């Protein structure tokens, strides 16, 4: 199955470089390109896309707002934010807007390809621990961090809530299994139920919601 990728970046040279890397892969195809968010949204009306590589700093419409509009659609493509700086506010805002992860622009090609495949398969690219560091830094900007826990969390069982806290603290399924004395398969089932009940797309969004609702506070403690 070919992964259909759209490149969104105002720098033509960068798009050319990414296109060359992706074109060499038997399972990937660049089906569209755009130089800004407005152009990207227009392209998506007529082109089937699986994964969008999204720059954040662009004219007309930046990558964060473009990501928000894309992810508001039904069955949208996955969005992978490309940022120049690790842990900057644009990456944070992109995750809040619905992106499945973020990568640095100077990432080695092999890592970029792995990230695209991971996002396409439904995994979050950013390690939850990286997301947690990001949120620790920017948590004061979250409107929900000082509010009581969100009503959505009432849908979770006690065990699911426990698992959610550990996901938000950056633990892998294996680490959560060891901590709670469960099988890894059971943890995976719990994570899947958390995503379904809360209408979230991946683990990154679990971390963001845990911070927004106050389930986990800056510093990583539930």
Foldseek 3Di string as FASTA:
>chain_A
DAAEEEEEALDPVLVVVLQVLQVVDPRYHHPYYYNALVRVVVVVVPDDHAEYEAEADGPPHGRLVSLLVQVVDPPGHAYEYEYQDQLDVSQVSNVVSAHLYYDYSPDPSVLVVVCSVCVSVQERSDQLCSLLVSCLVVLVVQPQQVPAADPLCVVADPVLLVLLLVLLLRDDLVRVCVVVVHDSVVSVVSLVVSCVSNVHRYSSVSNVSCNNRNVADNVSRD
